[in-house]
Amino acid sequence: MPEWLVEDGIGETRAILVEGDRVLAAKLRWEGELHAGQQVTAKLTTKRGTRGTGTLADGREILLDRLPQSASEGASLSAVITRGAIAERGRLKLPAARPPEAVTATADHAFSTGKEVHRFPAGLWEEVWDEASRGEIDFDGGSLLFSVTPAMSVVDVDGDLPLRELALRAARALGGALPRFDLGGSIGIDFPTLEAKTDRKAVDSLLKDVLADWPHERTAMNGFGFVQLVARLEGPSLLHRFASSRTGMAARMALRRAERVEGAGVTLLTVHPALKAKIRDEWIAELERRTGRPLRIEADPGLAIEAGAAQIVGHD
C-alpha cells in the first residue's frame, strides 16, 4: 500500500509517496515559506467584495478570497493558506488564503500525517530530483519534455515511434510524471497530431484511466494533438523550483549529499562557486550539528551547478 515518507532536510522538507521501490508522488517545502494548509492571522488591509489583501505580523502580504461580508478593513482574521508564493519571470505571485470555513483539504496531509524517516530509501529522491532538474522523463521510444511559463506548464511529446503508439506511451508516462513533479494549475500537453478521430479518442480514454486518482479537469484532444489539464495549484512544483531558483535547489541537494556521507574526519563539499555563495551560515552550522563533523566547502568553477559532491577527508 502506498505510504507517504517525510525527510527533514536542511533548508527544506521533502515528502514522497512510495509503493515498493517506486515514487508515485513528491512534494517539497522550503524553510520559512508559507505553505498550503498553514493557518495564519492577518490584518485585512484592502477589501473589494469577497477578495482582498492581508498583512501578517512579520510584514508579509497575502491574497485573500471568500471573505465574509462582515469582514472590514483593519480587522484581524484567521486564514488558511491555499497556495504558496510562486516565483515567475519578472514577478512573484503572492500566497493565497481563505477563511478556515471556506477551505477544503490541502496537500498538508502529506507532511502532517506522513511517516517521518531519517533518510529516504537510497536513490528514490535522487531519481525524482534528477528528472525535475532535467525537465525530462524518458519512456520506451520517447520522452516527455517539460517547461514552465507564467501562463501554464507545457509538456512536449518527443519520439520516433508511429504517432499513435507514441501518443499512447506518452499518456502512460504522463500519468506518473505529474504527481512526481507535484504539478498543478494549467498544463498543456502537445501530443503528436493524430489524423484519425478513433486514435485521439484512444488517447483520451487512456488519459482518463491513468489520471483517475489525480484530481483534475481535462479537455479532449483536439485535431492538432493538444490536451489541456487544470488541477489545483497549491504551490511551486519541483519544475517551478528549478526554473526560478536552480542554485537554491542545487545548494540544498549538495547539503543533503554532505549529510549522507559517513566516516570520521572533515566533510569536504565541492560545489560550483554560485552554490558556495548560496549556502547560508545557519545551514552549515546545522549540517555540522547533524554529522558531528566540521564542514569545508571548496569551489570548483568546472563543476555543473547540479554536481556538488561530498566526501570525508582527514582532520584539518
C-alpha atoms as a PDB file:
ATOM      1  CA  MET A   1       0.000   0.000   0.000  1.00  0.00           C
ATOM      2  CA  PRO A   2       1.393   3.467  -0.873  1.00  0.00           C
ATOM      3  CA  GLU A   3       2.835   5.393   2.067  1.00  0.00           C
ATOM      4  CA  TRP A   4       3.977   8.992   2.471  1.00  0.00           C
ATOM      5  CA  LEU A   5       7.502   9.332   3.845  1.00  0.00           C
ATOM      6  CA  VAL A   6       8.817  12.658   5.150  1.00  0.00           C
ATOM      7  CA  GLU A   7      12.500  13.608   5.356  1.00  0.00           C
ATOM      8  CA  ASP A   8      13.529  16.696   7.334  1.00  0.00           C
ATOM      9  CA  GLY A   9      16.343  18.251   5.334  1.00  0.00           C
ATOM     10  CA  ILE A  10      18.479  21.350   5.781  1.00  0.00           C
ATOM     11  CA  GLY A  11      16.595  24.318   4.367  1.00  0.00           C
ATOM     12  CA  GLU A  12      13.764  22.128   3.119  1.00  0.00           C
ATOM     13  CA  THR A  13      11.385  19.294   3.981  1.00  0.00           C
ATOM     14  CA  ARG A  14      10.721  16.564   1.439  1.00  0.00           C
ATOM     15  CA  ALA A  15       7.841  14.123   1.094  1.00  0.00           C
ATOM     16  CA  ILE A  16       7.462  11.179  -1.254  1.00  0.00           C
ATOM     17  CA  LEU A  17       4.597   8.745  -1.761  1.00  0.00           C
ATOM     18  CA  VAL A  18       6.238   5.338  -2.029  1.00  0.00           C
ATOM     19  CA  GLU A  19       4.915   1.993  -3.192  1.00  0.00           C
ATOM     20  CA  GLY A  20       7.604  -0.668  -3.116  1.00  0.00           C
ATOM     21  CA  ASP A  21      10.636   0.882  -4.778  1.00  0.00           C
ATOM     22  CA  ARG A  22       8.623   3.409  -6.819  1.00  0.00           C
ATOM     23  CA  VAL A  23       7.915   7.062  -6.077  1.00  0.00           C
ATOM     24  CA  LEU A  24       4.311   7.801  -7.020  1.00  0.00           C
ATOM     25  CA  ALA A  25       4.300  11.455  -5.925  1.00  0.00           C
ATOM     26  CA  ALA A  26       6.645  14.006  -4.405  1.00  0.00           C
ATOM     27  CA  LYS A  27       6.293  17.311  -2.560  1.00  0.00           C
ATOM     28  CA  LEU A  28       8.785  19.874  -1.339  1.00  0.00           C
ATOM     29  CA  ARG A  29       8.705  22.726   1.180  1.00  0.00           C
ATOM     30  CA  TRP A  30      11.373  25.319   1.720  1.00  0.00           C
ATOM     31  CA  GLU A  31      12.086  26.591   5.202  1.00  0.00           C
ATOM     32  CA  GLY A  32      10.309  29.838   6.075  1.00  0.00           C
ATOM     33  CA  GLU A  33       7.831  29.756   3.214  1.00  0.00           C
ATOM     34  CA  LEU A  34       4.089  29.942   3.695  1.00  0.00           C
ATOM     35  CA  HIS A  35       2.591  26.648   2.549  1.00  0.00           C
ATOM     36  CA  ALA A  36      -0.816  25.223   1.722  1.00  0.00           C
ATOM     37  CA  GLY A  37      -2.671  24.168   4.864  1.00  0.00           C
ATOM     38  CA  GLN A  38      -0.837  26.593   7.164  1.00  0.00           C
ATOM     39  CA  GLN A  39      -3.043  28.666   9.480  1.00  0.00           C
ATOM     40  CA  VAL A  40      -2.185  32.347   9.839  1.00  0.00           C
ATOM     41  CA  THR A  41      -3.608  35.530  11.312  1.00  0.00           C
ATOM     42  CA  ALA A  42      -3.670  38.566   9.051  1.00  0.00           C
ATOM     43  CA  LYS A  43      -4.754  42.179   9.194  1.00  0.00           C
ATOM     44  CA  LEU A  44      -7.204  42.880   6.375  1.00  0.00           C
ATOM     45  CA  THR A  45      -5.563  45.776   4.530  1.00  0.00           C
ATOM     46  CA  THR A  46      -7.781  46.032   1.439  1.00  0.00           C
ATOM     47  CA  LYS A  47     -11.148  44.567   0.528  1.00  0.00           C
ATOM     48  CA  ARG A  48     -13.050  44.501  -2.758  1.00  0.00           C
ATOM     49  CA  GLY A  49     -16.164  42.379  -2.437  1.00  0.00           C
ATOM     50  CA  THR A  50     -15.108  38.912  -1.329  1.00  0.00           C
ATOM     51  CA  ARG A  51     -11.456  39.442  -2.228  1.00  0.00           C
ATOM     52  CA  GLY A  52      -8.696  41.465  -0.630  1.00  0.00           C
ATOM     53  CA  THR A  53      -5.169  41.533   0.748  1.00  0.00           C
ATOM     54  CA  GLY A  54      -3.883  40.908   4.244  1.00  0.00           C
ATOM     55  CA  THR A  55      -0.659  41.574   6.116  1.00  0.00           C
ATOM     56  CA  LEU A  56       0.909  39.129   8.547  1.00  0.00           C
ATOM     57  CA  ALA A  57       2.651  40.142  11.758  1.00  0.00           C
ATOM     58  CA  ASP A  58       6.047  39.800  10.054  1.00  0.00           C
ATOM     59  CA  GLY A  59       5.003  42.143   7.249  1.00  0.00           C
ATOM     60  CA  ARG A  60       4.426  39.546   4.552  1.00  0.00           C
ATOM     61  CA  GLU A  61       1.428  40.156   2.309  1.00  0.00           C
ATOM     62  CA  ILE A  62      -1.122  37.547   1.238  1.00  0.00           C
ATOM     63  CA  LEU A  63      -4.083  37.482  -1.124  1.00  0.00           C
ATOM     64  CA  LEU A  64      -7.455  36.722   0.455  1.00  0.00           C
ATOM     65  CA  ASP A  65     -10.535  35.168  -1.124  1.00  0.00           C
ATOM     66  CA  ARG A  66     -14.023  34.109   0.010  1.00  0.00           C
ATOM     67  CA  LEU A  67     -14.128  36.907   2.581  1.00  0.00           C
ATOM     68  CA  PRO A  68     -17.387  37.199   4.532  1.00  0.00           C
ATOM     69  CA  GLN A  69     -19.457  40.357   4.152  1.00  0.00           C
ATOM     70  CA  SER A  70     -18.859  41.170   7.814  1.00  0.00           C
ATOM     71  CA  ALA A  71     -15.068  41.431   7.341  1.00  0.00           C
ATOM     72  CA  SER A  72     -13.873  45.035   7.344  1.00  0.00           C
ATOM     73  CA  GLU A  73     -10.547  46.658   6.525  1.00  0.00           C
ATOM     74  CA  GLY A  74      -8.278  46.937   9.542  1.00  0.00           C
ATOM     75  CA  ALA A  75      -9.711  43.864  11.266  1.00  0.00           C
ATOM     76  CA  SER A  76      -7.649  40.801  12.168  1.00  0.00           C
ATOM     77  CA  LEU A  77      -8.859  37.496  10.817  1.00  0.00           C
ATOM     78  CA  SER A  78      -7.818  33.862  10.712  1.00  0.00           C
ATOM     79  CA  ALA A  79      -6.983  32.339   7.349  1.00  0.00           C
ATOM     80  CA  VAL A  80      -5.596  29.152   5.854  1.00  0.00           C
ATOM     81  CA  ILE A  81      -3.011  29.304   3.090  1.00  0.00           C
ATOM     82  CA  THR A  82      -4.379  27.620  -0.036  1.00  0.00           C
ATOM     83  CA  ARG A  83      -1.456  28.349  -2.354  1.00  0.00           C
ATOM     84  CA  GLY A  84       2.126  29.217  -1.531  1.00  0.00           C
ATOM     85  CA  ALA A  85       4.031  32.022  -3.239  1.00  0.00           C
ATOM     86  CA  ILE A  86       5.230  31.197  -6.758  1.00  0.00           C
ATOM     87  CA  ALA A  87       8.156  32.982  -8.361  1.00  0.00           C
ATOM     88  CA  GLU A  88       7.721  33.655 -12.060  1.00  0.00           C
ATOM     89  CA  ARG A  89       9.758  35.535 -14.609  1.00  0.00           C
ATOM     90  CA  GLY A  90       9.677  39.169 -13.520  1.00  0.00           C
ATOM     91  CA  ARG A  91       7.166  38.791 -10.691  1.00  0.00           C
ATOM     92  CA  LEU A  92       6.152  36.929  -7.557  1.00  0.00           C
ATOM     93  CA  LYS A  93       2.655  35.538  -7.126  1.00  0.00           C
ATOM     94  CA  LEU A  94       1.740  36.269  -3.516  1.00  0.00           C
ATOM     95  CA  PRO A  95       0.492  33.430  -1.287  1.00  0.00           C
ATOM     96  CA  ALA A  96      -3.275  32.946  -1.420  1.00  0.00           C
ATOM     97  CA  ALA A  97      -5.513  32.242   1.586  1.00  0.00           C
ATOM     98  CA  ARG A  98      -9.147  31.831   2.618  1.00  0.00           C
ATOM     99  CA  PRO A  99     -11.061  31.836   5.901  1.00  0.00           C
ATOM    100  CA  PRO A 100     -10.896  28.367   7.532  1.00  0.00           C
ATOM    101  CA  GLU A 101     -14.584  27.656   6.891  1.00  0.00           C
ATOM    102  CA  ALA A 102     -14.028  28.112   3.134  1.00  0.00           C
ATOM    103  CA  VAL A 103     -11.111  25.667   2.845  1.00  0.00           C
ATOM    104  CA  THR A 104     -11.256  22.029   1.823  1.00  0.00           C
ATOM    105  CA  ALA A 105      -8.425  19.540   2.308  1.00  0.00           C
ATOM    106  CA  THR A 106      -4.952  20.611   1.163  1.00  0.00           C
ATOM    107  CA  ALA A 107      -1.638  18.905   0.469  1.00  0.00           C
ATOM    108  CA  ASP A 108      -0.611  19.487   4.087  1.00  0.00           C
ATOM    109  CA  HIS A 109      -1.669  15.920   4.922  1.00  0.00           C
ATOM    110  CA  ALA A 110       1.432  14.543   3.186  1.00  0.00           C
ATOM    111  CA  PHE A 111       3.648  16.353   5.697  1.00  0.00           C
ATOM    112  CA  SER A 112       1.418  16.219   8.766  1.00  0.00           C
ATOM    113  CA  THR A 113       0.459  12.528   8.577  1.00  0.00           C
ATOM    114  CA  GLY A 114       3.379  11.054   6.619  1.00  0.00           C
ATOM    115  CA  LYS A 115       5.896   8.768   8.318  1.00  0.00           C
ATOM    116  CA  GLU A 116       8.967  10.727   9.367  1.00  0.00           C
ATOM    117  CA  VAL A 117      12.185   8.954   8.426  1.00  0.00           C
ATOM    118  CA  HIS A 118      15.831   9.814   8.969  1.00  0.00           C
ATOM    119  CA  ARG A 119      16.579   9.019   5.342  1.00  0.00           C
ATOM    120  CA  PHE A 120      14.525   8.051   2.317  1.00  0.00           C
ATOM    121  CA  PRO A 121      15.351   4.669   0.791  1.00  0.00           C
ATOM    122  CA  ALA A 122      18.502   5.029  -1.322  1.00  0.00           C
ATOM    123  CA  GLY A 123      18.070   6.569  -4.738  1.00  0.00           C
ATOM    124  CA  LEU A 124      14.389   7.483  -4.626  1.00  0.00           C
ATOM    125  CA  TRP A 125      14.675  11.227  -4.001  1.00  0.00           C
ATOM    126  CA  GLU A 126      17.743  11.411  -6.247  1.00  0.00           C
ATOM    127  CA  GLU A 127      15.782   9.950  -9.157  1.00  0.00           C
ATOM    128  CA  VAL A 128      12.887  12.401  -8.852  1.00  0.00           C
ATOM    129  CA  TRP A 129      15.270  15.334  -8.298  1.00  0.00           C
ATOM    130  CA  ASP A 130      17.293  14.456 -11.382  1.00  0.00           C
ATOM    131  CA  GLU A 131      14.189  14.142 -13.569  1.00  0.00           C
ATOM    132  CA  ALA A 132      12.907  17.501 -12.370  1.00  0.00           C
ATOM    133  CA  SER A 133      16.342  19.065 -12.860  1.00  0.00           C
ATOM    134  CA  ARG A 134      16.422  17.899 -16.476  1.00  0.00           C
ATOM    135  CA  GLY A 135      12.737  18.650 -17.033  1.00  0.00           C
ATOM    136  CA  GLU A 136      12.517  15.388 -18.881  1.00  0.00           C
ATOM    137  CA  ILE A 137      11.111  11.899 -18.357  1.00  0.00           C
ATOM    138  CA  ASP A 138      12.098   9.111 -20.727  1.00  0.00           C
ATOM    139  CA  PHE A 139       9.864   6.230 -21.702  1.00  0.00           C
ATOM    140  CA  ASP A 140      10.357   3.362 -24.116  1.00  0.00           C
ATOM    141  CA  GLY A 141      10.526   5.002 -27.537  1.00  0.00           C
ATOM    142  CA  GLY A 142      10.275   8.645 -26.498  1.00  0.00           C
ATOM    143  CA  SER A 143      10.343  11.305 -23.830  1.00  0.00           C
ATOM    144  CA  LEU A 144       8.261  13.986 -22.146  1.00  0.00           C
ATOM    145  CA  LEU A 145       9.890  17.433 -22.153  1.00  0.00           C
ATOM    146  CA  PHE A 146       8.570  19.849 -19.522  1.00  0.00           C
ATOM    147  CA  SER A 147       8.811  23.642 -19.401  1.00  0.00           C
ATOM    148  CA  VAL A 148       7.079  26.180 -17.166  1.00  0.00           C
ATOM    149  CA  THR A 149       5.777  29.574 -18.241  1.00  0.00           C
ATOM    150  CA  PRO A 150       3.755  32.232 -16.378  1.00  0.00           C
ATOM    151  CA  ALA A 151       0.635  31.066 -18.227  1.00  0.00           C
ATOM    152  CA  MET A 152       0.939  27.293 -17.927  1.00  0.00           C
ATOM    153  CA  SER A 153       3.248  24.323 -17.719  1.00  0.00           C
ATOM    154  CA  VAL A 154       3.835  22.785 -21.141  1.00  0.00           C
ATOM    155  CA  VAL A 155       4.686  19.176 -21.960  1.00  0.00           C
ATOM    156  CA  ASP A 156       6.101  18.281 -25.355  1.00  0.00           C
ATOM    157  CA  VAL A 157       5.989  14.682 -26.534  1.00  0.00           C
ATOM    158  CA  ASP A 158       9.082  13.604 -28.470  1.00  0.00           C
ATOM    159  CA  GLY A 159       9.989  10.289 -30.065  1.00  0.00           C
ATOM    160  CA  ASP A 160      10.300   8.337 -33.302  1.00  0.00           C
ATOM    161  CA  LEU A 161       7.589   5.711 -32.855  1.00  0.00           C
ATOM    162  CA  PRO A 162       4.492   5.541 -35.065  1.00  0.00           C
ATOM    163  CA  LEU A 163       2.382   8.524 -33.951  1.00  0.00           C
ATOM    164  CA  ARG A 164      -0.497   6.603 -32.368  1.00  0.00           C
ATOM    165  CA  GLU A 165       1.835   4.382 -30.351  1.00  0.00           C
ATOM    166  CA  LEU A 166       3.988   7.360 -29.365  1.00  0.00           C
ATOM    167  CA  ALA A 167       0.934   9.242 -28.061  1.00  0.00           C
ATOM    168  CA  LEU A 168      -0.323   6.248 -26.081  1.00  0.00           C
ATOM    169  CA  ARG A 169       3.055   5.578 -24.454  1.00  0.00           C
ATOM    170  CA  ALA A 170       3.409   9.270 -23.645  1.00  0.00           C
ATOM    171  CA  ALA A 171      -0.014   9.287 -21.988  1.00  0.00           C
ATOM    172  CA  ARG A 172       1.022   6.364 -19.761  1.00  0.00           C
ATOM    173  CA  ALA A 173       4.232   8.142 -18.775  1.00  0.00           C
ATOM    174  CA  LEU A 174       2.359  11.374 -18.113  1.00  0.00           C
ATOM    175  CA  GLY A 175       0.175   9.674 -15.516  1.00  0.00           C
ATOM    176  CA  GLY A 176       3.233   9.058 -13.352  1.00  0.00           C
ATOM    177  CA  ALA A 177       5.077  12.283 -14.117  1.00  0.00           C
ATOM    178  CA  LEU A 178       2.507  14.860 -12.984  1.00  0.00           C
ATOM    179  CA  PRO A 179       2.297  13.801  -9.295  1.00  0.00           C
ATOM    180  CA  ARG A 180       6.046  13.083  -9.183  1.00  0.00           C
ATOM    181  CA  PHE A 181       6.717  16.714 -10.104  1.00  0.00           C
ATOM    182  CA  ASP A 182       3.811  17.984  -7.962  1.00  0.00           C
ATOM    183  CA  LEU A 183       2.442  19.867 -10.956  1.00  0.00           C
ATOM    184  CA  GLY A 184      -0.785  21.830 -10.719  1.00  0.00           C
ATOM    185  CA  GLY A 185      -2.550  24.751 -12.343  1.00  0.00           C
ATOM    186  CA  SER A 186      -2.946  24.847 -16.111  1.00  0.00           C
ATOM    187  CA  ILE A 187      -0.977  22.198 -18.007  1.00  0.00           C
ATOM    188  CA  GLY A 188      -0.825  21.854 -21.784  1.00  0.00           C
ATOM    189  CA  ILE A 189       0.307  18.631 -23.458  1.00  0.00           C
ATOM    190  CA  ASP A 190       1.434  18.749 -27.076  1.00  0.00           C
ATOM    191  CA  PHE A 191       0.899  15.221 -28.374  1.00  0.00           C
ATOM    192  CA  PRO A 192       1.716  14.327 -31.989  1.00  0.00           C
ATOM    193  CA  THR A 193      -1.045  15.228 -34.426  1.00  0.00           C
ATOM    194  CA  LEU A 194      -3.340  12.237 -34.895  1.00  0.00           C
ATOM    195  CA  GLU A 195      -5.440  12.318 -38.040  1.00  0.00           C
ATOM    196  CA  ALA A 196      -7.917   9.619 -37.042  1.00  0.00           C
ATOM    197  CA  LYS A 197     -10.586  10.555 -34.531  1.00  0.00           C
ATOM    198  CA  THR A 198     -10.507   6.995 -33.159  1.00  0.00           C
ATOM    199  CA  ASP A 199      -6.813   7.424 -32.330  1.00  0.00           C
ATOM    200  CA  ARG A 200      -7.494  10.674 -30.485  1.00  0.00           C
ATOM    201  CA  LYS A 201     -10.292   9.011 -28.545  1.00  0.00           C
ATOM    202  CA  ALA A 202      -7.963   6.158 -27.592  1.00  0.00           C
ATOM    203  CA  VAL A 203      -5.514   8.646 -26.055  1.00  0.00           C
ATOM    204  CA  ASP A 204      -8.345  10.448 -24.261  1.00  0.00           C
ATOM    205  CA  SER A 205      -9.562   7.147 -22.819  1.00  0.00           C
ATOM    206  CA  LEU A 206      -6.089   6.190 -21.638  1.00  0.00           C
ATOM    207  CA  LEU A 207      -5.566   9.598 -20.014  1.00  0.00           C
ATOM    208  CA  LYS A 208      -8.838   9.131 -18.159  1.00  0.00           C
ATOM    209  CA  ASP A 209      -7.570   5.842 -16.756  1.00  0.00           C
ATOM    210  CA  VAL A 210      -4.009   6.867 -15.819  1.00  0.00           C
ATOM    211  CA  LEU A 211      -5.135  10.144 -14.231  1.00  0.00           C
ATOM    212  CA  ALA A 212      -8.151   8.693 -12.438  1.00  0.00           C
ATOM    213  CA  ASP A 213      -6.602   9.230  -8.987  1.00  0.00           C
ATOM    214  CA  TRP A 214      -5.203  12.684  -9.808  1.00  0.00           C
ATOM    215  CA  PRO A 215      -7.957  15.315  -9.318  1.00  0.00           C
ATOM    216  CA  HIS A 216      -8.228  17.487 -12.431  1.00  0.00           C
ATOM    217  CA  GLU A 217     -10.340  18.642 -15.328  1.00  0.00           C
ATOM    218  CA  ARG A 218      -9.334  17.853 -18.888  1.00  0.00           C
ATOM    219  CA  THR A 219     -10.196  18.774 -22.453  1.00  0.00           C
ATOM    220  CA  ALA A 220     -10.459  16.180 -25.206  1.00  0.00           C
ATOM    221  CA  MET A 221      -7.541  16.061 -27.632  1.00  0.00           C
ATOM    222  CA  ASN A 222      -8.085  18.495 -30.475  1.00  0.00           C
ATOM    223  CA  GLY A 223      -7.147  17.942 -34.104  1.00  0.00           C
ATOM    224  CA  PHE A 224      -3.643  19.261 -33.522  1.00  0.00           C
ATOM    225  CA  GLY A 225      -2.910  16.833 -30.677  1.00  0.00           C
ATOM    226  CA  PHE A 226      -3.261  19.373 -27.851  1.00  0.00           C
ATOM    227  CA  VAL A 227      -4.782  18.481 -24.478  1.00  0.00           C
ATOM    228  CA  GLN A 228      -5.222  20.885 -21.570  1.00  0.00           C
ATOM    229  CA  LEU A 229      -5.404  19.835 -17.920  1.00  0.00           C
ATOM    230  CA  VAL A 230      -6.362  22.014 -14.965  1.00  0.00           C
ATOM    231  CA  ALA A 231      -5.575  20.886 -11.412  1.00  0.00           C
ATOM    232  CA  ARG A 232      -5.455  22.524  -8.008  1.00  0.00           C
ATOM    233  CA  LEU A 233      -2.343  24.638  -7.626  1.00  0.00           C
ATOM    234  CA  GLU A 234      -1.045  24.677  -4.037  1.00  0.00           C
ATOM    235  CA  GLY A 235       2.488  25.946  -4.505  1.00  0.00           C
ATOM    236  CA  PRO A 236       5.554  25.750  -6.707  1.00  0.00           C
ATOM    237  CA  SER A 237       6.163  22.381  -8.326  1.00  0.00           C
ATOM    238  CA  LEU A 238       9.621  20.837  -8.445  1.00  0.00           C
ATOM    239  CA  LEU A 239       9.838  22.145 -12.005  1.00  0.00           C
ATOM    240  CA  HIS A 240       8.971  25.684 -10.861  1.00  0.00           C
ATOM    241  CA  ARG A 241      11.644  25.451  -8.173  1.00  0.00           C
ATOM    242  CA  PHE A 242      14.299  24.628 -10.738  1.00  0.00           C
ATOM    243  CA  ALA A 243      13.048  27.311 -13.132  1.00  0.00           C
ATOM    244  CA  SER A 244      13.082  30.089 -10.511  1.00  0.00           C
ATOM    245  CA  SER A 245      15.959  29.012  -8.229  1.00  0.00           C
ATOM    246  CA  ARG A 246      18.148  26.288  -9.690  1.00  0.00           C
ATOM    247  CA  THR A 247      21.019  27.301  -7.391  1.00  0.00           C
ATOM    248  CA  GLY A 248      18.712  27.065  -4.371  1.00  0.00           C
ATOM    249  CA  MET A 249      17.667  23.536  -5.344  1.00  0.00           C
ATOM    250  CA  ALA A 250      21.253  22.506  -6.052  1.00  0.00           C
ATOM    251  CA  ALA A 251      22.603  24.017  -2.810  1.00  0.00           C
ATOM    252  CA  ARG A 252      20.106  22.095  -0.709  1.00  0.00           C
ATOM    253  CA  MET A 253      20.850  18.902  -2.613  1.00  0.00           C
ATOM    254  CA  ALA A 254      24.589  19.394  -2.063  1.00  0.00           C
ATOM    255  CA  LEU A 255      23.992  19.688   1.681  1.00  0.00           C
ATOM    256  CA  ARG A 256      21.899  16.526   1.586  1.00  0.00           C
ATOM    257  CA  ARG A 257      24.776  14.689  -0.064  1.00  0.00           C
ATOM    258  CA  ALA A 258      27.151  16.052   2.573  1.00  0.00           C
ATOM    259  CA  GLU A 259      24.840  14.876   5.340  1.00  0.00           C
ATOM    260  CA  ARG A 260      24.673  11.351   3.931  1.00  0.00           C
ATOM    261  CA  VAL A 261      28.393  10.594   3.691  1.00  0.00           C
ATOM    262  CA  GLU A 262      29.734   8.607   6.621  1.00  0.00           C
ATOM    263  CA  GLY A 263      33.027   8.393   8.440  1.00  0.00           C
ATOM    264  CA  ALA A 264      35.301  10.342  10.764  1.00  0.00           C
ATOM    265  CA  GLY A 265      37.171  13.473   9.765  1.00  0.00           C
ATOM    266  CA  VAL A 266      36.083  16.563   7.861  1.00  0.00           C
ATOM    267  CA  THR A 267      33.216  16.781   5.392  1.00  0.00           C
ATOM    268  CA  LEU A 268      34.595  18.227   2.159  1.00  0.00           C
ATOM    269  CA  LEU A 269      31.871  19.653  -0.047  1.00  0.00           C
ATOM    270  CA  THR A 270      32.974  20.658  -3.549  1.00  0.00           C
ATOM    271  CA  VAL A 271      30.489  22.830  -5.433  1.00  0.00           C
ATOM    272  CA  HIS A 272      30.192  25.406  -8.191  1.00  0.00           C
ATOM    273  CA  PRO A 273      31.071  28.934  -6.907  1.00  0.00           C
ATOM    274  CA  ALA A 274      27.423  30.038  -7.255  1.00  0.00           C
ATOM    275  CA  LEU A 275      26.424  27.341  -4.776  1.00  0.00           C
ATOM    276  CA  LYS A 276      29.110  28.256  -2.272  1.00  0.00           C
ATOM    277  CA  ALA A 277      27.677  31.786  -2.183  1.00  0.00           C
ATOM    278  CA  LYS A 278      24.168  30.381  -1.732  1.00  0.00           C
ATOM    279  CA  ILE A 279      24.883  28.175   1.307  1.00  0.00           C
ATOM    280  CA  ARG A 280      23.888  30.037   4.463  1.00  0.00           C
ATOM    281  CA  ASP A 281      25.881  30.083   7.695  1.00  0.00           C
ATOM    282  CA  GLU A 282      22.973  28.589   9.626  1.00  0.00           C
ATOM    283  CA  TRP A 283      22.803  25.688   7.155  1.00  0.00           C
ATOM    284  CA  ILE A 284      26.499  24.991   7.702  1.00  0.00           C
ATOM    285  CA  ALA A 285      26.008  25.019  11.478  1.00  0.00           C
ATOM    286  CA  GLU A 286      23.048  22.642  11.189  1.00  0.00           C
ATOM    287  CA  LEU A 287      24.981  20.254   8.950  1.00  0.00           C
ATOM    288  CA  GLU A 288      27.899  20.183  11.405  1.00  0.00           C
ATOM    289  CA  ARG A 289      25.477  19.560  14.277  1.00  0.00           C
ATOM    290  CA  ARG A 290      23.816  16.670  12.466  1.00  0.00           C
ATOM    291  CA  THR A 291      27.008  14.983  11.309  1.00  0.00           C
ATOM    292  CA  GLY A 292      29.264  15.814  14.244  1.00  0.00           C
ATOM    293  CA  ARG A 293      31.956  16.781  11.732  1.00  0.00           C
ATOM    294  CA  PRO A 294      33.337  20.146  10.613  1.00  0.00           C
ATOM    295  CA  LEU A 295      32.485  21.195   7.069  1.00  0.00           C
ATOM    296  CA  ARG A 296      34.891  22.574   4.499  1.00  0.00           C
ATOM    297  CA  ILE A 297      33.490  23.978   1.252  1.00  0.00           C
ATOM    298  CA  GLU A 298      35.627  24.313  -1.850  1.00  0.00           C
ATOM    299  CA  ALA A 299      34.523  25.965  -5.090  1.00  0.00           C
ATOM    300  CA  ASP A 300      35.232  24.445  -8.491  1.00  0.00           C
ATOM    301  CA  PRO A 301      34.063  26.548 -11.473  1.00  0.00           C
ATOM    302  CA  GLY A 302      34.380  23.475 -13.677  1.00  0.00           C
ATOM    303  CA  LEU A 303      31.509  21.722 -11.899  1.00  0.00           C
ATOM    304  CA  ALA A 304      27.952  21.926 -13.119  1.00  0.00           C
ATOM    305  CA  ILE A 305      25.516  23.679 -10.772  1.00  0.00           C
ATOM    306  CA  GLU A 306      23.847  20.339 -10.012  1.00  0.00           C
ATOM    307  CA  ALA A 307      27.052  18.374  -9.487  1.00  0.00           C
ATOM    308  CA  GLY A 308      28.028  19.172  -5.897  1.00  0.00           C
ATOM    309  CA  ALA A 309      29.988  16.283  -4.374  1.00  0.00           C
ATOM    310  CA  ALA A 310      30.811  15.362  -0.770  1.00  0.00           C
ATOM    311  CA  GLN A 311      33.486  13.171   0.782  1.00  0.00           C
ATOM    312  CA  ILE A 312      35.273  12.629   4.082  1.00  0.00           C
ATOM    313  CA  VAL A 313      38.870  13.808   4.310  1.00  0.00           C
ATOM    314  CA  GLY A 314      41.426  13.824   7.125  1.00  0.00           C
ATOM    315  CA  HIS A 315      41.208  16.223  10.046  1.00  0.00           C
ATOM    316  CA  ASP A 316      42.172  19.845   9.394  1.00  0.00           C
END
